[in-house]
Amino acid sequence: MGVRAVTVEVNSIDEARDYVETNYGPVYQKKLKSRGIKKKQSVWDNSNVLFNGMNIRQLDEPFLKDGDNLYLLPLVGGG
C-alpha cells in the first residue's frame, strides 16, 4: 500500500478497520483495477490480520490496549 508501518491511536478493532479502509482502501482499489479486477474489495477482508502475532480471526473479541500491534498482510496469489 506504499507504507511499511504506521502508528495510530484507535480504541477498538472496528476503529482500526475503519482507519485502514479509509486511508488505504482507495490505493488498494486502484491496484486491483490495474490488474483488471473491477469488483470492489476490502483491504481488511483480503489480508491476514495479526493481533500481537495471533490471527485475529481465531480470537474471541480482542480488546486493544496501549502497545498492542496489528499487522496487515495482504493476501498474495501465485505459484
N, C-alpha and C. Protein backbone atom coordinates (compact mmCIF):
# COMPACT_ATOMS: atom_id res chain seq x y z
N MET A 1 0.81 -1.19 0.00
CA MET A 1 0.00 0.00 0.00
C MET A 1 0.85 1.25 0.00
N GLY A 2 2.13 1.07 -0.10
CA GLY A 2 3.00 2.23 -0.14
C GLY A 2 3.60 2.62 1.20
N VAL A 3 3.25 1.90 2.27
CA VAL A 3 3.82 2.18 3.58
C VAL A 3 4.24 0.86 4.22
N ARG A 4 5.23 0.95 5.04
CA ARG A 4 5.68 -0.24 5.74
C ARG A 4 5.06 -0.34 7.13
N ALA A 5 4.90 0.81 7.79
CA ALA A 5 4.33 0.81 9.13
C ALA A 5 3.73 2.19 9.41
N VAL A 6 2.67 2.19 10.19
CA VAL A 6 2.07 3.43 10.68
C VAL A 6 1.72 3.23 12.15
N THR A 7 1.71 4.32 12.87
CA THR A 7 1.28 4.30 14.26
C THR A 7 0.05 5.17 14.36
N VAL A 8 -1.03 4.59 14.87
CA VAL A 8 -2.28 5.35 15.01
C VAL A 8 -2.87 5.07 16.39
N GLU A 9 -3.70 5.98 16.82
CA GLU A 9 -4.40 5.82 18.10
C GLU A 9 -5.84 5.45 17.78
N VAL A 10 -6.23 4.23 18.12
CA VAL A 10 -7.61 3.77 17.95
C VAL A 10 -8.02 3.08 19.24
N ASN A 11 -9.32 3.02 19.46
CA ASN A 11 -9.82 2.43 20.70
C ASN A 11 -10.41 1.04 20.54
N SER A 12 -10.55 0.60 19.28
CA SER A 12 -11.15 -0.71 19.06
C SER A 12 -10.68 -1.29 17.72
N ILE A 13 -10.92 -2.57 17.56
CA ILE A 13 -10.59 -3.22 16.30
C ILE A 13 -11.42 -2.60 15.18
N ASP A 14 -12.69 -2.28 15.45
CA ASP A 14 -13.53 -1.65 14.44
C ASP A 14 -12.96 -0.32 13.98
N GLU A 15 -12.44 0.47 14.91
CA GLU A 15 -11.81 1.74 14.54
C GLU A 15 -10.56 1.51 13.71
N ALA A 16 -9.81 0.48 14.03
CA ALA A 16 -8.61 0.14 13.25
C ALA A 16 -9.01 -0.23 11.82
N ARG A 17 -10.05 -1.04 11.70
CA ARG A 17 -10.52 -1.44 10.38
C ARG A 17 -10.98 -0.22 9.58
N ASP A 18 -11.75 0.66 10.22
CA ASP A 18 -12.21 1.88 9.55
C ASP A 18 -11.02 2.72 9.08
N TYR A 19 -10.01 2.84 9.92
CA TYR A 19 -8.81 3.60 9.56
C TYR A 19 -8.16 3.01 8.31
N VAL A 20 -7.99 1.69 8.32
CA VAL A 20 -7.35 1.02 7.18
C VAL A 20 -8.16 1.22 5.90
N GLU A 21 -9.46 0.99 5.99
CA GLU A 21 -10.30 1.10 4.78
C GLU A 21 -10.34 2.54 4.26
N THR A 22 -10.40 3.52 5.16
CA THR A 22 -10.46 4.92 4.74
C THR A 22 -9.14 5.37 4.12
N ASN A 23 -8.04 5.00 4.74
CA ASN A 23 -6.74 5.51 4.30
C ASN A 23 -6.06 4.68 3.22
N TYR A 24 -6.36 3.39 3.14
CA TYR A 24 -5.67 2.54 2.18
C TYR A 24 -6.60 1.85 1.20
N GLY A 25 -7.91 1.90 1.45
CA GLY A 25 -8.87 1.31 0.54
C GLY A 25 -8.78 1.85 -0.88
N PRO A 26 -8.71 3.18 -1.07
CA PRO A 26 -8.61 3.71 -2.43
C PRO A 26 -7.35 3.24 -3.17
N VAL A 27 -6.23 3.15 -2.46
CA VAL A 27 -4.99 2.67 -3.08
C VAL A 27 -5.15 1.21 -3.48
N TYR A 28 -5.77 0.43 -2.61
CA TYR A 28 -6.00 -0.99 -2.87
C TYR A 28 -6.91 -1.17 -4.09
N GLN A 29 -7.98 -0.38 -4.16
CA GLN A 29 -8.89 -0.47 -5.30
C GLN A 29 -8.19 -0.13 -6.60
N LYS A 30 -7.32 0.87 -6.57
CA LYS A 30 -6.58 1.27 -7.76
C LYS A 30 -5.66 0.14 -8.23
N LYS A 31 -5.01 -0.53 -7.27
CA LYS A 31 -4.15 -1.66 -7.62
C LYS A 31 -4.96 -2.81 -8.23
N LEU A 32 -6.13 -3.08 -7.66
CA LEU A 32 -6.97 -4.14 -8.20
C LEU A 32 -7.43 -3.79 -9.61
N LYS A 33 -7.85 -2.54 -9.79
CA LYS A 33 -8.33 -2.10 -11.10
C LYS A 33 -7.23 -2.22 -12.15
N SER A 34 -5.99 -1.91 -11.77
CA SER A 34 -4.87 -2.01 -12.72
C SER A 34 -4.61 -3.45 -13.13
N ARG A 35 -5.11 -4.39 -12.34
CA ARG A 35 -4.96 -5.82 -12.65
C ARG A 35 -6.21 -6.40 -13.29
N GLY A 36 -7.15 -5.52 -13.63
CA GLY A 36 -8.36 -5.96 -14.31
C GLY A 36 -9.47 -6.45 -13.40
N ILE A 37 -9.35 -6.24 -12.10
CA ILE A 37 -10.38 -6.67 -11.14
C ILE A 37 -11.28 -5.47 -10.89
N LYS A 38 -12.54 -5.60 -11.27
CA LYS A 38 -13.46 -4.47 -11.18
C LYS A 38 -14.31 -4.48 -9.91
N LYS A 39 -14.46 -5.63 -9.30
CA LYS A 39 -15.28 -5.74 -8.09
C LYS A 39 -14.58 -5.08 -6.90
N LYS A 40 -15.30 -4.23 -6.19
CA LYS A 40 -14.74 -3.56 -5.02
C LYS A 40 -14.50 -4.60 -3.93
N GLN A 41 -13.33 -4.54 -3.33
CA GLN A 41 -12.97 -5.48 -2.28
C GLN A 41 -12.37 -4.74 -1.10
N SER A 42 -12.46 -5.33 0.05
CA SER A 42 -11.97 -4.75 1.29
C SER A 42 -10.50 -5.11 1.51
N VAL A 43 -9.69 -4.12 1.87
CA VAL A 43 -8.29 -4.37 2.22
C VAL A 43 -8.25 -5.32 3.41
N TRP A 44 -9.04 -5.02 4.42
CA TRP A 44 -9.04 -5.79 5.67
C TRP A 44 -9.44 -7.24 5.42
N ASP A 45 -10.52 -7.43 4.66
CA ASP A 45 -11.03 -8.79 4.42
C ASP A 45 -10.12 -9.61 3.53
N ASN A 46 -9.27 -8.95 2.76
CA ASN A 46 -8.36 -9.66 1.86
C ASN A 46 -6.93 -9.62 2.38
N SER A 47 -6.80 -9.60 3.70
CA SER A 47 -5.49 -9.60 4.35
C SER A 47 -5.52 -10.55 5.53
N ASN A 48 -4.36 -11.04 5.87
CA ASN A 48 -4.21 -11.72 7.15
C ASN A 48 -3.97 -10.62 8.17
N VAL A 49 -4.79 -10.58 9.19
CA VAL A 49 -4.66 -9.56 10.23
C VAL A 49 -4.15 -10.25 11.49
N LEU A 50 -2.98 -9.81 11.95
CA LEU A 50 -2.38 -10.38 13.14
C LEU A 50 -2.48 -9.37 14.28
N PHE A 51 -2.98 -9.83 15.40
CA PHE A 51 -3.11 -9.02 16.62
C PHE A 51 -2.08 -9.54 17.60
N ASN A 52 -1.03 -8.77 17.81
CA ASN A 52 0.09 -9.20 18.66
C ASN A 52 0.60 -10.58 18.25
N GLY A 53 0.65 -10.80 16.94
CA GLY A 53 1.20 -12.04 16.40
C GLY A 53 0.21 -13.18 16.21
N MET A 54 -1.04 -13.00 16.66
CA MET A 54 -2.05 -14.05 16.54
C MET A 54 -3.07 -13.66 15.46
N ASN A 55 -3.52 -14.63 14.68
CA ASN A 55 -4.52 -14.37 13.67
C ASN A 55 -5.80 -13.87 14.34
N ILE A 56 -6.22 -12.68 13.97
CA ILE A 56 -7.37 -12.04 14.63
C ILE A 56 -8.66 -12.84 14.44
N ARG A 57 -8.74 -13.60 13.36
CA ARG A 57 -9.95 -14.37 13.08
C ARG A 57 -10.09 -15.58 14.01
N GLN A 58 -9.04 -15.90 14.72
CA GLN A 58 -9.07 -17.02 15.64
C GLN A 58 -9.24 -16.59 17.09
N LEU A 59 -9.39 -15.30 17.31
CA LEU A 59 -9.50 -14.78 18.67
C LEU A 59 -10.94 -14.36 18.97
N ASP A 60 -11.34 -14.51 20.22
CA ASP A 60 -12.64 -14.01 20.67
C ASP A 60 -12.48 -12.54 21.04
N GLU A 61 -13.22 -11.68 20.39
CA GLU A 61 -13.30 -10.26 20.73
C GLU A 61 -12.03 -9.68 21.37
N PRO A 62 -10.97 -9.50 20.57
CA PRO A 62 -9.77 -8.91 21.17
C PRO A 62 -10.00 -7.44 21.52
N PHE A 63 -9.48 -7.03 22.67
CA PHE A 63 -9.58 -5.64 23.11
C PHE A 63 -8.21 -5.00 23.00
N LEU A 64 -8.17 -3.79 22.46
CA LEU A 64 -6.90 -3.08 22.32
C LEU A 64 -6.50 -2.39 23.61
N LYS A 65 -5.20 -2.40 23.83
CA LYS A 65 -4.64 -1.62 24.94
C LYS A 65 -3.35 -0.99 24.43
N ASP A 66 -2.83 -0.03 25.15
CA ASP A 66 -1.59 0.63 24.73
C ASP A 66 -0.50 -0.39 24.45
N GLY A 67 0.17 -0.20 23.33
CA GLY A 67 1.29 -1.07 22.98
C GLY A 67 0.93 -2.27 22.13
N ASP A 68 -0.37 -2.52 21.91
CA ASP A 68 -0.76 -3.64 21.05
C ASP A 68 -0.35 -3.35 19.61
N ASN A 69 -0.14 -4.43 18.86
CA ASN A 69 0.24 -4.30 17.46
C ASN A 69 -0.74 -5.04 16.57
N LEU A 70 -1.10 -4.40 15.47
CA LEU A 70 -1.89 -5.05 14.42
C LEU A 70 -1.03 -5.06 13.16
N TYR A 71 -0.95 -6.21 12.54
CA TYR A 71 -0.20 -6.35 11.30
C TYR A 71 -1.18 -6.76 10.22
N LEU A 72 -1.12 -6.05 9.11
CA LEU A 72 -1.97 -6.35 7.97
C LEU A 72 -1.09 -6.90 6.86
N LEU A 73 -1.31 -8.14 6.50
CA LEU A 73 -0.51 -8.79 5.46
C LEU A 73 -1.42 -9.14 4.30
N PRO A 74 -1.45 -8.29 3.26
CA PRO A 74 -2.33 -8.56 2.13
C PRO A 74 -2.08 -9.95 1.54
N LEU A 75 -3.17 -10.62 1.19
CA LEU A 75 -3.07 -11.96 0.62
C LEU A 75 -2.39 -11.88 -0.75
N VAL A 76 -1.58 -12.86 -1.04
CA VAL A 76 -0.85 -12.89 -2.29
C VAL A 76 -1.15 -14.23 -2.98
N GLY A 77 -1.41 -14.17 -4.27
CA GLY A 77 -1.64 -15.39 -5.02
C GLY A 77 -0.42 -15.69 -5.90
N GLY A 78 -0.34 -16.88 -6.32
CA GLY A 78 0.76 -17.25 -7.20
C GLY A 78 1.13 -18.69 -7.01
N GLY A 79 2.15 -19.08 -7.68
CA GLY A 79 2.53 -20.47 -7.52
C GLY A 79 3.90 -20.77 -7.96
